[in-house]
Amino acid sequence: MSISSRFSVGIHILALIEINKDGVSTSEFLAGSVNTNPAVIRKIMGMLKKAGLVKVQPGIAGASLARDLSTITLLDVYQAVNVVKEDELFSIHDNPNPDCPVGRNIQSTIGPLFTLAQTALEKALGSVSIGDVVTDILEKEK
């Protein structure tokens, strides 16, 4: 199972809004770049708006960034689009057999490892901004 594509689409939306800042970033325009339905874009835009990452106004076409792109991290996007519930990137199966030595101990053994892995992922995502993504995209376009 992979992390929801809402995460990559959220990054795509924010980067495109910045790159298209002199144009109008409608849900139809953004959907054309993502190659998806505008309704999907509107749903993710609602999540990004709720998190304070984009500004959209009912009845007015287009969206803009609500913060400077250098202050929006990939962790912000990850959290905004509800990729996973807090502290639940890795889930551990419920009710292992307590009569088995592995079943008795698996949760307490792998739980801390999963927490460590999630913390490392979130730290890495927190160190990259949408500004970094936009810079990389523009460099590749040269």
C-alpha atoms as a PDB file:
ATOM      1  CA  MET A   1       0.000   0.000   0.000  1.00  0.00           C
ATOM      2  CA  SER A   2       1.349   3.437  -0.835  1.00  0.00           C
ATOM      3  CA  ILE A   3       0.810   6.890   0.604  1.00  0.00           C
ATOM      4  CA  SER A   4      -2.229   8.545  -0.952  1.00  0.00           C
ATOM      5  CA  SER A   5      -1.606  10.370  -4.225  1.00  0.00           C
ATOM      6  CA  ARG A   6      -3.280  13.411  -2.596  1.00  0.00           C
ATOM      7  CA  PHE A   7       0.197  14.178  -1.265  1.00  0.00           C
ATOM      8  CA  SER A   8       1.903  14.402  -4.655  1.00  0.00           C
ATOM      9  CA  VAL A   9      -1.133  16.168  -6.159  1.00  0.00           C
ATOM     10  CA  GLY A  10      -1.032  18.717  -3.329  1.00  0.00           C
ATOM     11  CA  ILE A  11       2.635  19.422  -4.056  1.00  0.00           C
ATOM     12  CA  HIS A  12       1.838  19.635  -7.784  1.00  0.00           C
ATOM     13  CA  ILE A  13      -0.960  22.151  -7.138  1.00  0.00           C
ATOM     14  CA  LEU A  14       1.164  24.413  -4.946  1.00  0.00           C
ATOM     15  CA  ALA A  15       4.119  24.357  -7.336  1.00  0.00           C
ATOM     16  CA  LEU A  16       1.894  25.129 -10.333  1.00  0.00           C
ATOM     17  CA  ILE A  17       0.118  27.978  -8.545  1.00  0.00           C
ATOM     18  CA  GLU A  18       3.521  29.548  -7.905  1.00  0.00           C
ATOM     19  CA  ILE A  19       4.859  28.950 -11.405  1.00  0.00           C
ATOM     20  CA  ASN A  20       1.595  30.297 -12.877  1.00  0.00           C
ATOM     21  CA  LYS A  21       1.365  33.223 -10.426  1.00  0.00           C
ATOM     22  CA  ASP A  22       0.847  35.722 -13.245  1.00  0.00           C
ATOM     23  CA  GLY A  23      -2.024  33.632 -14.625  1.00  0.00           C
ATOM     24  CA  VAL A  24      -5.286  32.311 -13.211  1.00  0.00           C
ATOM     25  CA  SER A  25      -4.963  28.939 -11.520  1.00  0.00           C
ATOM     26  CA  THR A  26      -8.486  27.545 -11.790  1.00  0.00           C
ATOM     27  CA  SER A  27      -9.356  23.989 -10.821  1.00  0.00           C
ATOM     28  CA  GLU A  28      -9.731  23.212 -14.533  1.00  0.00           C
ATOM     29  CA  PHE A  29      -6.263  24.589 -15.289  1.00  0.00           C
ATOM     30  CA  LEU A  30      -4.694  22.682 -12.392  1.00  0.00           C
ATOM     31  CA  ALA A  31      -6.590  19.506 -13.319  1.00  0.00           C
ATOM     32  CA  GLY A  32      -5.179  19.736 -16.850  1.00  0.00           C
ATOM     33  CA  SER A  33      -1.642  19.684 -15.489  1.00  0.00           C
ATOM     34  CA  VAL A  34      -2.332  16.880 -13.009  1.00  0.00           C
ATOM     35  CA  ASN A  35      -4.384  15.063 -15.662  1.00  0.00           C
ATOM     36  CA  THR A  36      -7.336  14.477 -13.367  1.00  0.00           C
ATOM     37  CA  ASN A  37     -10.881  15.663 -12.828  1.00  0.00           C
ATOM     38  CA  PRO A  38     -11.354  19.256 -11.565  1.00  0.00           C
ATOM     39  CA  ALA A  39     -13.512  17.872  -8.716  1.00  0.00           C
ATOM     40  CA  VAL A  40     -10.436  16.039  -7.383  1.00  0.00           C
ATOM     41  CA  ILE A  41      -8.484  19.291  -7.497  1.00  0.00           C
ATOM     42  CA  ARG A  42     -11.261  21.173  -5.700  1.00  0.00           C
ATOM     43  CA  LYS A  43     -11.314  18.561  -2.924  1.00  0.00           C
ATOM     44  CA  ILE A  44      -7.558  18.785  -2.384  1.00  0.00           C
ATOM     45  CA  MET A  45      -7.679  22.587  -2.681  1.00  0.00           C
ATOM     46  CA  GLY A  46     -10.234  22.590   0.139  1.00  0.00           C
ATOM     47  CA  MET A  47      -7.793  20.637   2.310  1.00  0.00           C
ATOM     48  CA  LEU A  48      -4.940  23.001   1.418  1.00  0.00           C
ATOM     49  CA  LYS A  49      -7.146  26.016   2.169  1.00  0.00           C
ATOM     50  CA  LYS A  50      -8.204  24.598   5.529  1.00  0.00           C
ATOM     51  CA  ALA A  51      -4.504  24.176   6.394  1.00  0.00           C
ATOM     52  CA  GLY A  52      -3.819  27.808   5.466  1.00  0.00           C
ATOM     53  CA  LEU A  53      -1.648  26.983   2.447  1.00  0.00           C
ATOM     54  CA  VAL A  54      -3.807  28.438  -0.347  1.00  0.00           C
ATOM     55  CA  LYS A  55      -6.330  31.218  -0.753  1.00  0.00           C
ATOM     56  CA  VAL A  56      -9.468  30.622  -2.800  1.00  0.00           C
ATOM     57  CA  GLN A  57     -12.612  32.714  -2.888  1.00  0.00           C
ATOM     58  CA  PRO A  58     -16.069  31.449  -3.818  1.00  0.00           C
ATOM     59  CA  GLY A  59     -17.225  32.872  -7.118  1.00  0.00           C
ATOM     60  CA  ILE A  60     -13.765  34.134  -8.046  1.00  0.00           C
ATOM     61  CA  ALA A  61     -11.726  31.958 -10.373  1.00  0.00           C
ATOM     62  CA  GLY A  62      -8.208  31.048  -9.360  1.00  0.00           C
ATOM     63  CA  ALA A  63      -6.114  30.311  -6.331  1.00  0.00           C
ATOM     64  CA  SER A  64      -2.988  31.759  -4.795  1.00  0.00           C
ATOM     65  CA  LEU A  65      -0.532  30.725  -2.127  1.00  0.00           C
ATOM     66  CA  ALA A  66      -1.505  31.874   1.361  1.00  0.00           C
ATOM     67  CA  ARG A  67       2.108  31.858   2.566  1.00  0.00           C
ATOM     68  CA  ASP A  68       5.494  32.435   1.032  1.00  0.00           C
ATOM     69  CA  LEU A  69       6.494  29.293  -0.843  1.00  0.00           C
ATOM     70  CA  SER A  70       9.751  29.062   1.103  1.00  0.00           C
ATOM     71  CA  THR A  71       7.754  28.631   4.329  1.00  0.00           C
ATOM     72  CA  ILE A  72       5.494  25.836   3.064  1.00  0.00           C
ATOM     73  CA  THR A  73       7.179  22.482   3.639  1.00  0.00           C
ATOM     74  CA  LEU A  74       6.339  19.112   2.203  1.00  0.00           C
ATOM     75  CA  LEU A  75       5.407  18.134   5.762  1.00  0.00           C
ATOM     76  CA  ASP A  76       2.777  20.905   5.738  1.00  0.00           C
ATOM     77  CA  VAL A  77       1.298  19.422   2.565  1.00  0.00           C
ATOM     78  CA  TYR A  78       1.523  15.874   3.917  1.00  0.00           C
ATOM     79  CA  GLN A  79      -0.399  16.895   7.010  1.00  0.00           C
ATOM     80  CA  ALA A  80      -2.900  19.072   5.109  1.00  0.00           C
ATOM     81  CA  VAL A  81      -4.107  16.358   2.768  1.00  0.00           C
ATOM     82  CA  ASN A  82      -4.622  13.780   5.516  1.00  0.00           C
ATOM     83  CA  VAL A  83      -2.257  11.215   4.066  1.00  0.00           C
ATOM     84  CA  VAL A  84      -2.438   9.304   7.333  1.00  0.00           C
ATOM     85  CA  LYS A  85      -3.811   9.958  10.781  1.00  0.00           C
ATOM     86  CA  GLU A  86      -1.328  11.361  13.263  1.00  0.00           C
ATOM     87  CA  ASP A  87       1.173   8.724  14.384  1.00  0.00           C
ATOM     88  CA  GLU A  88      -0.424   6.072  12.185  1.00  0.00           C
ATOM     89  CA  LEU A  89       1.773   5.896   9.083  1.00  0.00           C
ATOM     90  CA  PHE A  90       2.435   2.282   9.967  1.00  0.00           C
ATOM     91  CA  SER A  91      -0.332   0.269  11.514  1.00  0.00           C
ATOM     92  CA  ILE A  92       0.154  -2.870  13.527  1.00  0.00           C
ATOM     93  CA  HIS A  93      -2.351  -5.652  13.189  1.00  0.00           C
ATOM     94  CA  ASP A  94      -4.821  -5.969  16.030  1.00  0.00           C
ATOM     95  CA  ASN A  95      -5.231  -8.941  18.321  1.00  0.00           C
ATOM     96  CA  PRO A  96      -2.180 -11.123  17.652  1.00  0.00           C
ATOM     97  CA  ASN A  97      -2.315 -14.463  19.411  1.00  0.00           C
ATOM     98  CA  PRO A  98      -1.118 -13.999  23.019  1.00  0.00           C
ATOM     99  CA  ASP A  99      -0.338 -17.723  23.246  1.00  0.00           C
ATOM    100  CA  CYS A 100       2.421 -17.299  20.642  1.00  0.00           C
ATOM    101  CA  PRO A 101       5.773 -15.731  21.638  1.00  0.00           C
ATOM    102  CA  VAL A 102       5.743 -13.600  18.490  1.00  0.00           C
ATOM    103  CA  GLY A 103       2.076 -12.667  18.920  1.00  0.00           C
ATOM    104  CA  ARG A 104       2.701 -11.675  22.544  1.00  0.00           C
ATOM    105  CA  ASN A 105       5.607  -9.397  21.689  1.00  0.00           C
ATOM    106  CA  ILE A 106       5.299  -8.174  18.116  1.00  0.00           C
ATOM    107  CA  GLN A 107       3.431  -4.950  18.895  1.00  0.00           C
ATOM    108  CA  SER A 108       5.865  -3.783  21.576  1.00  0.00           C
ATOM    109  CA  THR A 109       8.819  -4.801  19.411  1.00  0.00           C
ATOM    110  CA  ILE A 110       7.963  -3.151  16.114  1.00  0.00           C
ATOM    111  CA  GLY A 111       5.898  -0.233  17.455  1.00  0.00           C
ATOM    112  CA  PRO A 112       8.953   1.845  18.479  1.00  0.00           C
ATOM    113  CA  LEU A 113      10.647   1.076  15.144  1.00  0.00           C
ATOM    114  CA  PHE A 114       7.585   2.298  13.248  1.00  0.00           C
ATOM    115  CA  THR A 115       7.526   5.478  15.348  1.00  0.00           C
ATOM    116  CA  LEU A 116      11.203   6.075  14.601  1.00  0.00           C
ATOM    117  CA  ALA A 117      10.635   5.579  10.855  1.00  0.00           C
ATOM    118  CA  GLN A 118       7.658   7.947  10.788  1.00  0.00           C
ATOM    119  CA  THR A 119       9.628  10.576  12.698  1.00  0.00           C
ATOM    120  CA  ALA A 120      12.488  10.304  10.193  1.00  0.00           C
ATOM    121  CA  LEU A 121      10.097  10.660   7.256  1.00  0.00           C
ATOM    122  CA  GLU A 122       8.425  13.710   8.770  1.00  0.00           C
ATOM    123  CA  LYS A 123      11.792  15.302   9.541  1.00  0.00           C
ATOM    124  CA  ALA A 124      12.879  14.807   5.916  1.00  0.00           C
ATOM    125  CA  LEU A 125       9.619  16.255   4.589  1.00  0.00           C
ATOM    126  CA  GLY A 126       9.935  19.212   6.944  1.00  0.00           C
ATOM    127  CA  SER A 127      13.335  20.096   5.498  1.00  0.00           C
ATOM    128  CA  VAL A 128      12.081  20.626   1.921  1.00  0.00           C
ATOM    129  CA  SER A 129       9.948  23.598   0.932  1.00  0.00           C
ATOM    130  CA  ILE A 130       7.644  24.163  -2.012  1.00  0.00           C
ATOM    131  CA  GLY A 131      10.210  26.812  -2.967  1.00  0.00           C
ATOM    132  CA  ASP A 132      12.813  24.044  -3.268  1.00  0.00           C
ATOM    133  CA  VAL A 133      10.449  22.028  -5.465  1.00  0.00           C
ATOM    134  CA  VAL A 134       9.698  25.019  -7.702  1.00  0.00           C
ATOM    135  CA  THR A 135      13.406  25.855  -8.027  1.00  0.00           C
ATOM    136  CA  ASP A 136      14.167  22.267  -9.068  1.00  0.00           C
ATOM    137  CA  ILE A 137      11.329  22.225 -11.613  1.00  0.00           C
ATOM    138  CA  LEU A 138      12.432  25.531 -13.152  1.00  0.00           C
ATOM    139  CA  GLU A 139      16.052  24.326 -13.333  1.00  0.00           C
ATOM    140  CA  LYS A 140      14.910  21.207 -15.189  1.00  0.00           C
ATOM    141  CA  GLU A 141      12.990  23.361 -17.655  1.00  0.00           C
ATOM    142  CA  LYS A 142      16.093  25.346 -18.663  1.00  0.00           C
END
